[in-house]
Structure formats: C-alpha cells, structure tokens
Amino acid sequence: MCVEKTPWELVIDFHGHTCPDIALGYRIAQLAQREMGIRPAPDSECLVKAYTQSCALDAIQVLNKATIGRHALIIEETHRYMYQFHFTGTQDIHQFTVSPAVLDHLETLRHPDLSPRERQNKVLEGVQYVLTLEESAFCHYDKIPGQLSKIV
C-alpha cells in the first residue's frame, strides 16, 4: 500500500534533515500559497526572490515549485529573511519578512558547547517555535504592485 507523504515530509526528504530554517521556509511557502491563491493561468509560473541563502529555500523549492535550475528562484544575498513571490502574468508581488524577534529567539537556541542530544533538543525546540508561533508575530506580509522576472 502506498502512503502519500505530507508536505512537511516531502520538504524534509528533499533537504535531508530537520532544522529551524527549513521550518521558516516551510511556513513562508505555505503562507505564500494561501495569499497567492491558485495559479491564474495554466502557463503562469511562480517566481520567488529571496534575500538570504539559507535552508529555507529548499522548502520553497519543494512547495512552490520555484527552483534554481529553472531560474524561478532568484537569490540576492542581503542576509534579510525576506521573500517575494509572484505569478507570471499578474501585477502583484507577495512579500513576506520574518520578524527579527523570531530570528533573535532562534539565535538564542544555538550553543556550540552542547552535547549532540542537547543540540537536537534545541533544534526541535526551534522548529516547534517556528511552526506554532502566531502568524502576526512570525512575519510581516505586504502585497505590492510589481513583477519579478527570470534571470537567464
């Protein structure tokens, strides 16, 4: 019997491990799906611009089908956890910015002198925090006029 994997399981399989940054990307990807709605046309493509290169991008590639290989994921490294989503053929950019307080909290969980078990517990604590935090405390959302373009 085949059992279909959940979106979370697909992301973890692709990324290779569980971590707070993959949870950030998972949460942002789901919020983007909700705000963008269904694809406006069969040939419309989801483009994403990320302002930091982190594990979060793997979740976005899996859930939003915006991959680096297809030039649908653009990275402009500014070390800001800000992500813009756009369906080609539309005039709106959906922008999500992770709250600095979230990033600060996750940083407090990182301790280089922890045992492997303690480190894993902190990782799971961070994942749980990201996935259960009230949306208004997690990120800021803006819908702004504009378009993203593939860079080929």
Protein backbone atom coordinates (compact mmCIF):
# COMPACT_ATOMS: atom_id res chain seq x y z
CA MET A 1 0.00 0.00 0.00
CA CYS A 2 1.33 3.46 -0.93
CA VAL A 3 1.10 6.18 1.65
CA GLU A 4 1.24 9.73 0.35
CA LYS A 5 3.75 11.91 2.15
CA THR A 6 2.74 15.15 3.80
CA PRO A 7 4.20 18.41 2.50
CA TRP A 8 6.43 18.54 5.62
CA GLU A 9 7.76 15.04 4.91
CA LEU A 10 8.47 15.96 1.27
CA VAL A 11 10.45 19.01 2.39
CA ILE A 12 12.46 17.05 4.97
CA ASP A 13 13.18 14.27 2.45
CA PHE A 14 14.47 16.84 -0.05
CA HIS A 15 16.50 18.82 2.49
CA GLY A 16 17.89 15.84 4.39
CA HIS A 17 17.28 16.94 7.97
CA THR A 18 15.01 18.96 10.23
CA CYS A 19 16.15 22.42 11.33
CA PRO A 20 14.61 25.76 12.29
CA ASP A 21 15.48 27.35 8.93
CA ILE A 22 13.68 24.63 6.99
CA ALA A 23 10.67 25.28 9.23
CA LEU A 24 10.93 29.01 8.39
CA GLY A 25 10.86 28.21 4.68
CA TYR A 26 8.03 25.73 5.09
CA ARG A 27 5.92 28.29 6.93
CA ILE A 28 6.69 31.09 4.43
CA ALA A 29 5.96 28.77 1.47
CA GLN A 30 2.58 27.84 2.92
CA LEU A 31 1.68 31.46 3.65
CA ALA A 32 2.61 32.37 0.07
CA GLN A 33 0.40 29.60 -1.29
CA ARG A 34 -2.50 30.87 0.81
CA GLU A 35 -2.07 34.54 -0.15
CA MET A 36 -1.40 33.93 -3.85
CA GLY A 37 -4.27 31.51 -4.33
CA ILE A 38 -4.50 29.23 -7.31
CA ARG A 39 -2.32 29.66 -10.38
CA PRO A 40 -4.07 32.33 -12.51
CA ALA A 41 -3.37 30.56 -15.84
CA PRO A 42 -2.03 27.15 -16.86
CA ASP A 43 1.18 28.69 -18.19
CA SER A 44 1.68 31.02 -15.22
CA GLU A 45 4.80 30.28 -13.21
CA CYS A 46 5.65 31.03 -9.59
CA LEU A 47 8.78 33.17 -9.31
CA VAL A 48 10.48 33.79 -5.98
CA LYS A 49 13.12 36.29 -4.94
CA ALA A 50 14.92 35.54 -1.68
CA TYR A 51 17.17 37.95 0.16
CA THR A 52 19.19 35.36 2.03
CA GLN A 53 20.52 31.95 1.11
CA SER A 54 19.51 29.51 3.82
CA CYS A 55 17.91 26.11 4.33
CA ALA A 56 14.54 27.87 4.00
CA LEU A 57 14.99 27.91 0.22
CA ASP A 58 14.72 24.13 -0.01
CA ALA A 59 11.19 24.25 1.40
CA ILE A 60 10.24 26.99 -1.05
CA GLN A 61 11.64 24.97 -3.97
CA VAL A 62 9.63 21.89 -2.96
CA LEU A 63 6.32 23.54 -2.05
CA ASN A 64 6.19 26.44 -4.51
CA LYS A 65 7.99 24.67 -7.40
CA ALA A 66 10.25 27.71 -7.83
CA THR A 67 13.63 26.12 -8.43
CA ILE A 68 17.08 27.50 -9.05
CA GLY A 69 17.52 25.20 -12.05
CA ARG A 70 14.51 26.67 -13.85
CA HIS A 71 15.63 30.21 -12.95
CA ALA A 72 12.40 30.67 -10.98
CA LEU A 73 14.27 31.24 -7.70
CA ILE A 74 16.39 34.37 -7.58
CA ILE A 75 18.73 34.99 -4.66
CA GLU A 76 20.01 38.46 -3.80
CA GLU A 77 22.13 38.00 -0.68
CA THR A 78 21.44 40.76 1.85
CA HIS A 79 21.13 38.46 4.89
CA ARG A 80 17.49 39.52 5.33
CA TYR A 81 14.87 36.83 5.73
CA MET A 82 12.60 38.44 3.15
CA TYR A 83 10.91 36.55 0.34
CA GLN A 84 8.92 37.83 -2.63
CA PHE A 85 6.52 35.62 -4.60
CA HIS A 86 4.96 36.43 -7.97
CA PHE A 87 2.87 34.56 -10.54
CA THR A 88 3.92 35.48 -14.08
CA GLY A 89 1.12 37.26 -15.89
CA THR A 90 -0.01 39.11 -12.74
CA GLN A 91 0.83 42.54 -11.37
CA ASP A 92 1.32 41.69 -7.68
CA ILE A 93 4.30 40.72 -5.55
CA HIS A 94 3.57 38.98 -2.25
CA GLN A 95 6.32 39.88 0.20
CA PHE A 96 6.99 38.11 3.49
CA THR A 97 9.58 39.30 6.01
CA VAL A 98 10.39 37.10 9.00
CA SER A 99 10.26 39.08 12.23
CA PRO A 100 13.68 39.98 13.67
CA ALA A 101 12.39 38.79 17.06
CA VAL A 102 11.93 35.29 15.61
CA LEU A 103 15.48 35.24 14.28
CA ASP A 104 16.81 36.57 17.61
CA HIS A 105 14.97 33.84 19.50
CA LEU A 106 16.34 31.13 17.22
CA GLU A 107 19.85 32.51 17.71
CA THR A 108 19.49 32.06 21.49
CA LEU A 109 18.99 28.33 20.91
CA ARG A 110 22.40 27.92 19.24
CA HIS A 111 25.14 26.87 21.66
CA PRO A 112 28.34 25.29 20.30
CA ASP A 113 29.17 23.58 23.60
CA LEU A 114 26.03 21.42 23.80
CA SER A 115 26.07 17.65 23.59
CA PRO A 116 24.55 16.12 20.43
CA ARG A 117 21.36 15.23 22.34
CA GLU A 118 21.06 18.75 23.79
CA ARG A 119 21.71 20.27 20.37
CA GLN A 120 18.99 18.11 18.81
CA ASN A 121 16.57 19.15 21.56
CA LYS A 122 17.31 22.82 20.80
CA VAL A 123 16.77 22.19 17.08
CA LEU A 124 13.39 20.60 17.76
CA GLU A 125 12.50 23.45 20.12
CA GLY A 126 13.29 25.93 17.34
CA VAL A 127 11.23 24.01 14.78
CA GLN A 128 8.27 23.83 17.18
CA TYR A 129 8.59 27.56 17.90
CA VAL A 130 8.56 28.50 14.20
CA LEU A 131 5.66 26.22 13.29
CA THR A 132 3.39 27.24 16.18
CA LEU A 133 4.10 30.96 16.58
CA GLU A 134 1.17 33.30 15.97
CA GLU A 135 1.33 34.47 12.35
CA SER A 136 1.39 38.18 13.26
CA ALA A 137 4.46 37.57 15.45
CA PHE A 138 6.12 35.33 12.85
CA CYS A 139 6.28 37.60 9.82
CA HIS A 140 5.08 40.72 8.09
CA TYR A 141 3.13 40.40 4.82
CA ASP A 142 2.78 43.03 2.10
CA LYS A 143 1.09 42.82 -1.28
CA ILE A 144 2.84 45.31 -3.51
CA PRO A 145 2.40 46.20 -7.17
CA GLY A 146 5.10 44.88 -9.43
CA GLN A 147 6.57 41.88 -11.18
CA LEU A 148 9.55 39.59 -10.83
CA SER A 149 11.46 38.40 -13.88
CA LYS A 150 13.58 35.35 -14.51
CA ILE A 151 17.29 35.98 -14.77
CA VAL A 152 18.61 33.79 -17.55
